[in-house]
PDB file of N, CA and C in Angstrom:
ATOM      1  N   MET A   1      12.690  21.915  -8.194  1.00  0.00           N
ATOM      2  CA  MET A   1      12.111  20.582  -8.311  1.00  0.00           C
ATOM      3  C   MET A   1      12.334  19.838  -6.991  1.00  0.00           C
ATOM      4  N   ALA A   2      11.284  19.264  -6.482  1.00  0.00           N
ATOM      5  CA  ALA A   2      11.353  18.543  -5.215  1.00  0.00           C
ATOM      6  C   ALA A   2      12.069  17.209  -5.404  1.00  0.00           C
ATOM      7  N   ASP A   3      12.764  16.785  -4.357  1.00  0.00           N
ATOM      8  CA  ASP A   3      13.357  15.452  -4.437  1.00  0.00           C
ATOM      9  C   ASP A   3      12.422  14.451  -3.767  1.00  0.00           C
ATOM     10  N   ILE A   4      12.758  13.198  -3.884  1.00  0.00           N
ATOM     11  CA  ILE A   4      11.876  12.142  -3.375  1.00  0.00           C
ATOM     12  C   ILE A   4      11.651  12.297  -1.869  1.00  0.00           C
ATOM     13  N   GLN A   5      12.664  12.723  -1.127  1.00  0.00           N
ATOM     14  CA  GLN A   5      12.502  12.891   0.319  1.00  0.00           C
ATOM     15  C   GLN A   5      11.441  13.945   0.634  1.00  0.00           C
ATOM     16  N   GLU A   6      11.372  15.000  -0.160  1.00  0.00           N
ATOM     17  CA  GLU A   6      10.343  16.018   0.057  1.00  0.00           C
ATOM     18  C   GLU A   6       8.955  15.439  -0.200  1.00  0.00           C
ATOM     19  N   HIS A   7       8.825  14.626  -1.231  1.00  0.00           N
ATOM     20  CA  HIS A   7       7.539  13.981  -1.515  1.00  0.00           C
ATOM     21  C   HIS A   7       7.157  13.042  -0.363  1.00  0.00           C
ATOM     22  N   LYS A   8       8.136  12.301   0.140  1.00  0.00           N
ATOM     23  CA  LYS A   8       7.872  11.388   1.263  1.00  0.00           C
ATOM     24  C   LYS A   8       7.446  12.172   2.496  1.00  0.00           C
ATOM     25  N   ALA A   9       8.072  13.325   2.744  1.00  0.00           N
ATOM     26  CA  ALA A   9       7.710  14.159   3.889  1.00  0.00           C
ATOM     27  C   ALA A   9       6.269  14.654   3.756  1.00  0.00           C
ATOM     28  N   THR A  10       5.852  14.958   2.541  1.00  0.00           N
ATOM     29  CA  THR A  10       4.469  15.385   2.316  1.00  0.00           C
ATOM     30  C   THR A  10       3.508  14.258   2.665  1.00  0.00           C
ATOM     31  N   VAL A  11       3.819  13.051   2.234  1.00  0.00           N
ATOM     32  CA  VAL A  11       2.971  11.899   2.556  1.00  0.00           C
ATOM     33  C   VAL A  11       2.863  11.756   4.072  1.00  0.00           C
ATOM     34  N   ALA A  12       3.980  11.838   4.767  1.00  0.00           N
ATOM     35  CA  ALA A  12       4.009  11.647   6.220  1.00  0.00           C
ATOM     36  C   ALA A  12       3.136  12.670   6.942  1.00  0.00           C
ATOM     37  N   LYS A  13       2.979  13.854   6.386  1.00  0.00           N
ATOM     38  CA  LYS A  13       2.145  14.884   7.008  1.00  0.00           C
ATOM     39  C   LYS A  13       0.670  14.512   7.011  1.00  0.00           C
ATOM     40  N   TYR A  14       0.257  13.692   6.064  1.00  0.00           N
ATOM     41  CA  TYR A  14      -1.167  13.424   5.870  1.00  0.00           C
ATOM     42  C   TYR A  14      -1.604  11.996   6.204  1.00  0.00           C
ATOM     43  N   VAL A  15      -0.676  11.153   6.596  1.00  0.00           N
ATOM     44  CA  VAL A  15      -0.990   9.749   6.855  1.00  0.00           C
ATOM     45  C   VAL A  15      -0.681   9.425   8.313  1.00  0.00           C
ATOM     46  N   LYS A  16      -1.629   8.780   8.989  1.00  0.00           N
ATOM     47  CA  LYS A  16      -1.441   8.473  10.410  1.00  0.00           C
ATOM     48  C   LYS A  16      -0.443   7.348  10.646  1.00  0.00           C
ATOM     49  N   ASN A  17      -0.652   6.228  10.013  1.00  0.00           N
ATOM     50  CA  ASN A  17       0.213   5.058  10.214  1.00  0.00           C
ATOM     51  C   ASN A  17       0.965   4.777   8.919  1.00  0.00           C
ATOM     52  N   LEU A  18       2.034   5.513   8.730  1.00  0.00           N
ATOM     53  CA  LEU A  18       2.796   5.433   7.493  1.00  0.00           C
ATOM     54  C   LEU A  18       3.471   4.067   7.346  1.00  0.00           C
ATOM     55  N   ASN A  19       3.243   3.431   6.214  1.00  0.00           N
ATOM     56  CA  ASN A  19       3.897   2.171   5.889  1.00  0.00           C
ATOM     57  C   ASN A  19       5.126   2.536   5.055  1.00  0.00           C
ATOM     58  N   THR A  20       6.277   2.591   5.718  1.00  0.00           N
ATOM     59  CA  THR A  20       7.482   3.064   5.030  1.00  0.00           C
ATOM     60  C   THR A  20       7.925   2.122   3.916  1.00  0.00           C
ATOM     61  N   ALA A  21       7.707   0.831   4.075  1.00  0.00           N
ATOM     62  CA  ALA A  21       8.076  -0.110   3.013  1.00  0.00           C
ATOM     63  C   ALA A  21       7.235   0.146   1.759  1.00  0.00           C
ATOM     64  N   ALA A  22       5.937   0.370   1.945  1.00  0.00           N
ATOM     65  CA  ALA A  22       5.062   0.658   0.806  1.00  0.00           C
ATOM     66  C   ALA A  22       5.418   2.008   0.188  1.00  0.00           C
ATOM     67  N   LEU A  23       5.704   2.992   1.032  1.00  0.00           N
ATOM     68  CA  LEU A  23       6.073   4.318   0.530  1.00  0.00           C
ATOM     69  C   LEU A  23       7.365   4.249  -0.282  1.00  0.00           C
ATOM     70  N   ASP A  24       8.341   3.514   0.229  1.00  0.00           N
ATOM     71  CA  ASP A  24       9.602   3.354  -0.502  1.00  0.00           C
ATOM     72  C   ASP A  24       9.371   2.653  -1.843  1.00  0.00           C
ATOM     73  N   GLY A  25       8.537   1.611  -1.834  1.00  0.00           N
ATOM     74  CA  GLY A  25       8.238   0.890  -3.069  1.00  0.00           C
ATOM     75  C   GLY A  25       7.501   1.762  -4.076  1.00  0.00           C
ATOM     76  N   LEU A  26       6.562   2.542  -3.590  1.00  0.00           N
ATOM     77  CA  LEU A  26       5.813   3.444  -4.458  1.00  0.00           C
ATOM     78  C   LEU A  26       6.743   4.509  -5.034  1.00  0.00           C
ATOM     79  N   ALA A  27       7.614   5.044  -4.187  1.00  0.00           N
ATOM     80  CA  ALA A  27       8.572   6.067  -4.644  1.00  0.00           C
ATOM     81  C   ALA A  27       9.521   5.484  -5.692  1.00  0.00           C
ATOM     82  N   LYS A  28       9.954   4.254  -5.472  1.00  0.00           N
ATOM     83  CA  LYS A  28      10.851   3.613  -6.432  1.00  0.00           C
ATOM     84  C   LYS A  28      10.126   3.354  -7.754  1.00  0.00           C
ATOM     85  N   ASN A  29       8.887   2.893  -7.655  1.00  0.00           N
ATOM     86  CA  ASN A  29       8.081   2.597  -8.830  1.00  0.00           C
ATOM     87  C   ASN A  29       7.828   3.849  -9.680  1.00  0.00           C
ATOM     88  N   TYR A  30       7.702   4.986  -9.023  1.00  0.00           N
ATOM     89  CA  TYR A  30       7.384   6.229  -9.722  1.00  0.00           C
ATOM     90  C   TYR A  30       8.544   7.223  -9.701  1.00  0.00           C
ATOM     91  N   ALA A  31       9.765   6.736  -9.551  1.00  0.00           N
ATOM     92  CA  ALA A  31      10.941   7.613  -9.472  1.00  0.00           C
ATOM     93  C   ALA A  31      11.070   8.497 -10.705  1.00  0.00           C
ATOM     94  N   LEU A  32      10.844   7.951 -11.884  1.00  0.00           N
ATOM     95  CA  LEU A  32      10.950   8.755 -13.111  1.00  0.00           C
ATOM     96  C   LEU A  32       9.884   9.844 -13.150  1.00  0.00           C
ATOM     97  N   VAL A  33       8.686   9.496 -12.781  1.00  0.00           N
ATOM     98  CA  VAL A  33       7.594  10.468 -12.760  1.00  0.00           C
ATOM     99  C   VAL A  33       7.902  11.581 -11.754  1.00  0.00           C
ATOM    100  N   LEU A  34       8.429  11.187 -10.591  1.00  0.00           N
ATOM    101  CA  LEU A  34       8.713  12.168  -9.537  1.00  0.00           C
ATOM    102  C   LEU A  34       9.923  13.035  -9.864  1.00  0.00           C
ATOM    103  N   SER A  35      10.769  12.583 -10.763  1.00  0.00           N
ATOM    104  CA  SER A  35      11.943  13.373 -11.121  1.00  0.00           C
ATOM    105  C   SER A  35      11.652  14.375 -12.236  1.00  0.00           C
ATOM    106  N   ASN A  36      10.468  14.283 -12.824  1.00  0.00           N
ATOM    107  CA  ASN A  36      10.086  15.177 -13.918  1.00  0.00           C
ATOM    108  C   ASN A  36       9.223  16.303 -13.368  1.00  0.00           C
ATOM    109  N   LYS A  37       9.661  17.544 -13.555  1.00  0.00           N
ATOM    110  CA  LYS A  37       8.939  18.674 -12.975  1.00  0.00           C
ATOM    111  C   LYS A  37       7.509  18.795 -13.495  1.00  0.00           C
ATOM    112  N   ASP A  38       7.251  18.280 -14.686  1.00  0.00           N
ATOM    113  CA  ASP A  38       5.903  18.366 -15.243  1.00  0.00           C
ATOM    114  C   ASP A  38       4.962  17.274 -14.736  1.00  0.00           C
ATOM    115  N   SER A  39       5.497  16.215 -14.181  1.00  0.00           N
ATOM    116  CA  SER A  39       4.628  15.111 -13.767  1.00  0.00           C
ATOM    117  C   SER A  39       4.694  14.779 -12.279  1.00  0.00           C
ATOM    118  N   GLN A  40       5.545  15.438 -11.520  1.00  0.00           N
ATOM    119  CA  GLN A  40       5.684  15.075 -10.108  1.00  0.00           C
ATOM    120  C   GLN A  40       4.526  15.567  -9.243  1.00  0.00           C
ATOM    121  N   TYR A  41       3.720  16.461  -9.782  1.00  0.00           N
ATOM    122  CA  TYR A  41       2.576  16.984  -9.043  1.00  0.00           C
ATOM    123  C   TYR A  41       1.288  16.691  -9.798  1.00  0.00           C
ATOM    124  N   VAL A  42       0.191  16.589  -9.046  1.00  0.00           N
ATOM    125  CA  VAL A  42      -1.128  16.385  -9.628  1.00  0.00           C
ATOM    126  C   VAL A  42      -1.837  17.735  -9.660  1.00  0.00           C
ATOM    127  N   ALA A  43      -2.311  18.115 -10.823  1.00  0.00           N
ATOM    128  CA  ALA A  43      -3.107  19.333 -10.956  1.00  0.00           C
ATOM    129  C   ALA A  43      -4.543  18.970 -10.588  1.00  0.00           C
ATOM    130  N   ALA A  44      -4.850  19.068  -9.309  1.00  0.00           N
ATOM    131  CA  ALA A  44      -6.107  18.555  -8.768  1.00  0.00           C
ATOM    132  C   ALA A  44      -7.344  19.231  -9.344  1.00  0.00           C
ATOM    133  N   THR A  45      -7.207  20.438  -9.851  1.00  0.00           N
ATOM    134  CA  THR A  45      -8.372  21.131 -10.399  1.00  0.00           C
ATOM    135  C   THR A  45      -8.570  20.851 -11.880  1.00  0.00           C
ATOM    136  N   ASP A  46      -7.662  20.120 -12.486  1.00  0.00           N
ATOM    137  CA  ASP A  46      -7.731  19.809 -13.914  1.00  0.00           C
ATOM    138  C   ASP A  46      -8.437  18.468 -14.116  1.00  0.00           C
ATOM    139  N   GLU A  47      -9.576  18.502 -14.781  1.00  0.00           N
ATOM    140  CA  GLU A  47     -10.354  17.281 -14.973  1.00  0.00           C
ATOM    141  C   GLU A  47      -9.571  16.208 -15.729  1.00  0.00           C
ATOM    142  N   ALA A  48      -8.814  16.603 -16.734  1.00  0.00           N
ATOM    143  CA  ALA A  48      -8.021  15.632 -17.500  1.00  0.00           C
ATOM    144  C   ALA A  48      -6.991  14.943 -16.594  1.00  0.00           C
ATOM    145  N   GLU A  49      -6.415  15.687 -15.678  1.00  0.00           N
ATOM    146  CA  GLU A  49      -5.440  15.118 -14.741  1.00  0.00           C
ATOM    147  C   GLU A  49      -6.118  14.122 -13.803  1.00  0.00           C
ATOM    148  N   ARG A  50      -7.298  14.475 -13.309  1.00  0.00           N
ATOM    149  CA  ARG A  50      -8.038  13.558 -12.413  1.00  0.00           C
ATOM    150  C   ARG A  50      -8.408  12.272 -13.155  1.00  0.00           C
ATOM    151  N   ILE A  51      -8.768  12.390 -14.421  1.00  0.00           N
ATOM    152  CA  ILE A  51      -9.090  11.212 -15.227  1.00  0.00           C
ATOM    153  C   ILE A  51      -7.839  10.350 -15.406  1.00  0.00           C
ATOM    154  N   THR A  52      -6.697  10.978 -15.613  1.00  0.00           N
ATOM    155  CA  THR A  52      -5.441  10.235 -15.736  1.00  0.00           C
ATOM    156  C   THR A  52      -5.148   9.455 -14.460  1.00  0.00           C
ATOM    157  N   VAL A  53      -5.338  10.073 -13.312  1.00  0.00           N
ATOM    158  CA  VAL A  53      -5.118   9.374 -12.036  1.00  0.00           C
ATOM    159  C   VAL A  53      -6.078   8.191 -11.936  1.00  0.00           C
ATOM    160  N   ARG A  54      -7.330   8.418 -12.280  1.00  0.00           N
ATOM    161  CA  ARG A  54      -8.336   7.343 -12.216  1.00  0.00           C
ATOM    162  C   ARG A  54      -7.969   6.186 -13.139  1.00  0.00           C
ATOM    163  N   GLU A  55      -7.689   6.508 -14.398  1.00  0.00           N
ATOM    164  CA  GLU A  55      -7.464   5.459 -15.393  1.00  0.00           C
ATOM    165  C   GLU A  55      -6.114   4.758 -15.227  1.00  0.00           C
ATOM    166  N   ASN A  56      -5.056   5.538 -15.076  1.00  0.00           N
ATOM    167  CA  ASN A  56      -3.711   4.957 -15.067  1.00  0.00           C
ATOM    168  C   ASN A  56      -3.278   4.419 -13.718  1.00  0.00           C
ATOM    169  N   PHE A  57      -3.711   5.062 -12.647  1.00  0.00           N
ATOM    170  CA  PHE A  57      -3.288   4.571 -11.332  1.00  0.00           C
ATOM    171  C   PHE A  57      -4.343   3.664 -10.711  1.00  0.00           C
ATOM    172  N   LEU A  58      -5.539   4.179 -10.543  1.00  0.00           N
ATOM    173  CA  LEU A  58      -6.555   3.386  -9.844  1.00  0.00           C
ATOM    174  C   LEU A  58      -6.970   2.137 -10.621  1.00  0.00           C
ATOM    175  N   LYS A  59      -7.212   2.278 -11.900  1.00  0.00           N
ATOM    176  CA  LYS A  59      -7.675   1.124 -12.678  1.00  0.00           C
ATOM    177  C   LYS A  59      -6.523   0.230 -13.132  1.00  0.00           C
ATOM    178  N   LYS A  60      -5.525   0.822 -13.781  1.00  0.00           N
ATOM    179  CA  LYS A  60      -4.448   0.000 -14.341  1.00  0.00           C
ATOM    180  C   LYS A  60      -3.492  -0.499 -13.270  1.00  0.00           C
ATOM    181  N   LYS A  61      -3.005   0.391 -12.426  1.00  0.00           N
ATOM    182  CA  LYS A  61      -1.983  -0.018 -11.453  1.00  0.00           C
ATOM    183  C   LYS A  61      -2.589  -0.777 -10.275  1.00  0.00           C
ATOM    184  N   LEU A  62      -3.684  -0.245  -9.722  1.00  0.00           N
ATOM    185  CA  LEU A  62      -4.285  -0.905  -8.553  1.00  0.00           C
ATOM    186  C   LEU A  62      -5.282  -1.987  -8.940  1.00  0.00           C
ATOM    187  N   GLY A  63      -5.716  -1.991 -10.200  1.00  0.00           N
ATOM    188  CA  GLY A  63      -6.646  -3.018 -10.664  1.00  0.00           C
ATOM    189  C   GLY A  63      -8.065  -2.847 -10.152  1.00  0.00           C
ATOM    190  N   LEU A  64      -8.458  -1.627  -9.844  1.00  0.00           N
ATOM    191  CA  LEU A  64      -9.800  -1.394  -9.312  1.00  0.00           C
ATOM    192  C   LEU A  64     -10.844  -1.444 -10.426  1.00  0.00           C
ATOM    193  N   THR A  65     -12.018  -1.933 -10.072  1.00  0.00           N
ATOM    194  CA  THR A  65     -13.110  -2.031 -11.040  1.00  0.00           C
ATOM    195  C   THR A  65     -14.336  -1.252 -10.572  1.00  0.00           C
ATOM    196  N   ASN A  66     -14.154  -0.393  -9.576  1.00  0.00           N
ATOM    197  CA  ASN A  66     -15.246   0.431  -9.071  1.00  0.00           C
ATOM    198  C   ASN A  66     -15.745   1.351 -10.188  1.00  0.00           C
ATOM    199  N   SER A  67     -16.918   1.923  -9.988  1.00  0.00           N
ATOM    200  CA  SER A  67     -17.472   2.837 -10.993  1.00  0.00           C
ATOM    201  C   SER A  67     -16.589   4.083 -11.124  1.00  0.00           C
ATOM    202  N   ASP A  68     -16.634   4.683 -12.306  1.00  0.00           N
ATOM    203  CA  ASP A  68     -15.882   5.914 -12.521  1.00  0.00           C
ATOM    204  C   ASP A  68     -16.290   6.978 -11.500  1.00  0.00           C
ATOM    205  N   ALA A  69     -17.580   7.059 -11.199  1.00  0.00           N
ATOM    206  CA  ALA A  69     -18.062   8.068 -10.253  1.00  0.00           C
ATOM    207  C   ALA A  69     -17.432   7.867  -8.871  1.00  0.00           C
ATOM    208  N   GLU A  70     -17.353   6.624  -8.421  1.00  0.00           N
ATOM    209  CA  GLU A  70     -16.749   6.348  -7.117  1.00  0.00           C
ATOM    210  C   GLU A  70     -15.256   6.669  -7.127  1.00  0.00           C
ATOM    211  N   LEU A  71     -14.576   6.271  -8.184  1.00  0.00           N
ATOM    212  CA  LEU A  71     -13.144   6.540  -8.272  1.00  0.00           C
ATOM    213  C   LEU A  71     -12.864   8.038  -8.393  1.00  0.00           C
ATOM    214  N   ASP A  72     -13.702   8.735  -9.165  1.00  0.00           N
ATOM    215  CA  ASP A  72     -13.554  10.185  -9.282  1.00  0.00           C
ATOM    216  C   ASP A  72     -13.733  10.853  -7.927  1.00  0.00           C
ATOM    217  N   ALA A  73     -14.707  10.372  -7.146  1.00  0.00           N
ATOM    218  CA  ALA A  73     -14.945  10.939  -5.820  1.00  0.00           C
ATOM    219  C   ALA A  73     -13.725  10.723  -4.925  1.00  0.00           C
ATOM    220  N   ALA A  74     -13.088   9.558  -5.040  1.00  0.00           N
ATOM    221  CA  ALA A  74     -11.888   9.281  -4.242  1.00  0.00           C
ATOM    222  C   ALA A  74     -10.746  10.209  -4.639  1.00  0.00           C
ATOM    223  N   VAL A  75     -10.568  10.427  -5.933  1.00  0.00           N
ATOM    224  CA  VAL A  75      -9.511  11.327  -6.416  1.00  0.00           C
ATOM    225  C   VAL A  75      -9.770  12.743  -5.911  1.00  0.00           C
ATOM    226  N   GLU A  76     -11.014  13.190  -5.987  1.00  0.00           N
ATOM    227  CA  GLU A  76     -11.361  14.525  -5.508  1.00  0.00           C
ATOM    228  C   GLU A  76     -11.188  14.630  -3.992  1.00  0.00           C
ATOM    229  N   ALA A  77     -11.485  13.563  -3.269  1.00  0.00           N
ATOM    230  CA  ALA A  77     -11.330  13.578  -1.814  1.00  0.00           C
ATOM    231  C   ALA A  77      -9.866  13.744  -1.416  1.00  0.00           C
ATOM    232  N   VAL A  78      -8.964  13.125  -2.161  1.00  0.00           N
ATOM    233  CA  VAL A  78      -7.534  13.298  -1.872  1.00  0.00           C
ATOM    234  C   VAL A  78      -7.127  14.740  -2.144  1.00  0.00           C
ATOM    235  N   GLY A  79      -7.662  15.328  -3.197  1.00  0.00           N
ATOM    236  CA  GLY A  79      -7.399  16.734  -3.462  1.00  0.00           C
ATOM    237  C   GLY A  79      -7.819  17.601  -2.289  1.00  0.00           C
ATOM    238  N   ALA A  80      -8.953  17.261  -1.674  1.00  0.00           N
ATOM    239  CA  ALA A  80      -9.431  18.008  -0.505  1.00  0.00           C
ATOM    240  C   ALA A  80      -8.500  17.799   0.695  1.00  0.00           C
ATOM    241  N   VAL A  81      -8.008  16.577   0.867  1.00  0.00           N
ATOM    242  CA  VAL A  81      -7.071  16.297   1.961  1.00  0.00           C
ATOM    243  C   VAL A  81      -5.811  17.144   1.797  1.00  0.00           C
ATOM    244  N   LEU A  82      -5.342  17.249   0.567  1.00  0.00           N
ATOM    245  CA  LEU A  82      -4.097  17.966   0.270  1.00  0.00           C
ATOM    246  C   LEU A  82      -4.331  19.447  -0.055  1.00  0.00           C
ATOM    247  N   LYS A  83      -5.486  19.972   0.309  1.00  0.00           N
ATOM    248  CA  LYS A  83      -5.860  21.330  -0.093  1.00  0.00           C
ATOM    249  C   LYS A  83      -4.869  22.399   0.352  1.00  0.00           C
ATOM    250  N   ASP A  84      -4.166  22.179   1.456  1.00  0.00           N
ATOM    251  CA  ASP A  84      -3.207  23.175   1.945  1.00  0.00           C
ATOM    252  C   ASP A  84      -1.878  23.147   1.196  1.00  0.00           C
ATOM    253  N   GLU A  85      -1.683  22.128   0.363  1.00  0.00           N
ATOM    254  CA  GLU A  85      -0.454  22.025  -0.422  1.00  0.00           C
ATOM    255  C   GLU A  85      -0.661  22.756  -1.746  1.00  0.00           C
ATOM    256  N   HIS A  86       0.151  23.753  -2.010  1.00  0.00           N
ATOM    257  CA  HIS A  86       0.027  24.464  -3.290  1.00  0.00           C
ATOM    258  C   HIS A  86       0.338  23.506  -4.446  1.00  0.00           C
ATOM    259  N   PHE A  87       1.415  22.727  -4.287  1.00  0.00           N
ATOM    260  CA  PHE A  87       1.764  21.691  -5.257  1.00  0.00           C
ATOM    261  C   PHE A  87       1.428  20.346  -4.635  1.00  0.00           C
ATOM    262  N   LYS A  88       0.507  19.614  -5.231  1.00  0.00           N
ATOM    263  CA  LYS A  88       0.037  18.345  -4.679  1.00  0.00           C
ATOM    264  C   LYS A  88       0.901  17.205  -5.215  1.00  0.00           C
ATOM    265  N   SER A  89       1.723  16.664  -4.336  1.00  0.00           N
ATOM    266  CA  SER A  89       2.660  15.611  -4.693  1.00  0.00           C
ATOM    267  C   SER A  89       1.945  14.384  -5.252  1.00  0.00           C
ATOM    268  N   ARG A  90       2.400  13.916  -6.405  1.00  0.00           N
ATOM    269  CA  ARG A  90       1.830  12.701  -6.992  1.00  0.00           C
ATOM    270  C   ARG A  90       2.052  11.506  -6.057  1.00  0.00           C
ATOM    271  N   LEU A  91       3.207  11.471  -5.395  1.00  0.00           N
ATOM    272  CA  LEU A  91       3.478  10.383  -4.457  1.00  0.00           C
ATOM    273  C   LEU A  91       2.454  10.389  -3.325  1.00  0.00           C
ATOM    274  N   ALA A  92       2.145  11.558  -2.785  1.00  0.00           N
ATOM    275  CA  ALA A  92       1.139  11.658  -1.721  1.00  0.00           C
ATOM    276  C   ALA A  92      -0.227  11.227  -2.242  1.00  0.00           C
ATOM    277  N   TYR A  93      -0.583  11.708  -3.413  1.00  0.00           N
ATOM    278  CA  TYR A  93      -1.865  11.337  -4.026  1.00  0.00           C
ATOM    279  C   TYR A  93      -1.973   9.822  -4.147  1.00  0.00           C
ATOM    280  N   TYR A  94      -0.954   9.221  -4.741  1.00  0.00           N
ATOM    281  CA  TYR A  94      -0.995   7.787  -4.998  1.00  0.00           C
ATOM    282  C   TYR A  94      -0.963   6.978  -3.698  1.00  0.00           C
ATOM    283  N   TYR A  95      -0.157   7.393  -2.748  1.00  0.00           N
ATOM    284  CA  TYR A  95      -0.076   6.657  -1.480  1.00  0.00           C
ATOM    285  C   TYR A  95      -1.438   6.685  -0.785  1.00  0.00           C
ATOM    286  N   ILE A  96      -2.038   7.870  -0.679  1.00  0.00           N
ATOM    287  CA  ILE A  96      -3.323   7.993   0.019  1.00  0.00           C
ATOM    288  C   ILE A  96      -4.397   7.163  -0.685  1.00  0.00           C
ATOM    289  N   LEU A  97      -4.406   7.173  -2.003  1.00  0.00           N
ATOM    290  CA  LEU A  97      -5.377   6.358  -2.737  1.00  0.00           C
ATOM    291  C   LEU A  97      -5.119   4.862  -2.540  1.00  0.00           C
ATOM    292  N   ALA A  98      -3.866   4.454  -2.614  1.00  0.00           N
ATOM    293  CA  ALA A  98      -3.540   3.027  -2.414  1.00  0.00           C
ATOM    294  C   ALA A  98      -3.925   2.591  -1.001  1.00  0.00           C
ATOM    295  N   GLU A  99      -3.694   3.464  -0.036  1.00  0.00           N
ATOM    296  CA  GLU A  99      -4.072   3.137   1.347  1.00  0.00           C
ATOM    297  C   GLU A  99      -5.589   3.018   1.477  1.00  0.00           C
ATOM    298  N   LYS A 100      -6.325   3.922   0.875  1.00  0.00           N
ATOM    299  CA  LYS A 100      -7.795   3.898   0.943  1.00  0.00           C
ATOM    300  C   LYS A 100      -8.343   2.568   0.425  1.00  0.00           C
ATOM    301  N   TYR A 101      -7.748   2.061  -0.636  1.00  0.00           N
ATOM    302  CA  TYR A 101      -8.247   0.827  -1.244  1.00  0.00           C
ATOM    303  C   TYR A 101      -7.483  -0.419  -0.779  1.00  0.00           C
ATOM    304  N   ASN A 102      -6.720  -0.279   0.305  1.00  0.00           N
ATOM    305  CA  ASN A 102      -5.974  -1.410   0.881  1.00  0.00           C
ATOM    306  C   ASN A 102      -5.078  -2.100  -0.154  1.00  0.00           C
ATOM    307  N   LYS A 103      -4.377  -1.299  -0.934  1.00  0.00           N
ATOM    308  CA  LYS A 103      -3.517  -1.817  -1.997  1.00  0.00           C
ATOM    309  C   LYS A 103      -2.032  -1.481  -1.775  1.00  0.00           C
ATOM    310  N   LEU A 104      -1.667  -1.030  -0.595  1.00  0.00           N
ATOM    311  CA  LEU A 104      -0.262  -0.675  -0.345  1.00  0.00           C
ATOM    312  C   LEU A 104       0.661  -1.860  -0.529  1.00  0.00           C
ATOM    313  N   ASP A 105       0.157  -3.062  -0.278  1.00  0.00           N
ATOM    314  CA  ASP A 105       0.991  -4.260  -0.391  1.00  0.00           C
ATOM    315  C   ASP A 105       1.499  -4.489  -1.815  1.00  0.00           C
ATOM    316  N   LEU A 106       0.857  -3.870  -2.809  1.00  0.00           N
ATOM    317  CA  LEU A 106       1.330  -3.985  -4.180  1.00  0.00           C
ATOM    318  C   LEU A 106       2.715  -3.366  -4.364  1.00  0.00           C
ATOM    319  N   PHE A 107       3.091  -2.473  -3.455  1.00  0.00           N
ATOM    320  CA  PHE A 107       4.342  -1.739  -3.609  1.00  0.00           C
ATOM    321  C   PHE A 107       5.440  -2.223  -2.668  1.00  0.00           C
ATOM    322  N   ILE A 108       5.148  -3.263  -1.892  1.00  0.00           N
ATOM    323  CA  ILE A 108       6.145  -3.819  -0.980  1.00  0.00           C
ATOM    324  C   ILE A 108       6.826  -4.975  -1.682  1.00  0.00           C
ATOM    325  N   LYS A 109       8.131  -4.875  -1.795  1.00  0.00           N
ATOM    326  CA  LYS A 109       8.888  -5.929  -2.498  1.00  0.00           C
ATOM    327  C   LYS A 109       9.396  -6.958  -1.518  1.00  0.00           C
TER     328      LYS A 109
END
């Protein structure tokens, strides 16, 4: 099971201008999820998992009201970004999505 530092290192590999305060806040917010071996990774090829990311993170957490098709495309695009990762870190997924929608400030305390 990966620790939070490993998840943070994965994010750093894929983000140009890493906002460490937002990353720390996101990691703290999702510490329980990241500590569970069944939920710390996103199964990018599983449609039900992509819907969960769309509904629970993009809509509920980030408050986005974009169309499902647009949000689904964003979730799939992150999967493509992380294609070289066998296990796709949920922290990386969420950080990249929050950055795309300019919502990182939600995680800065």
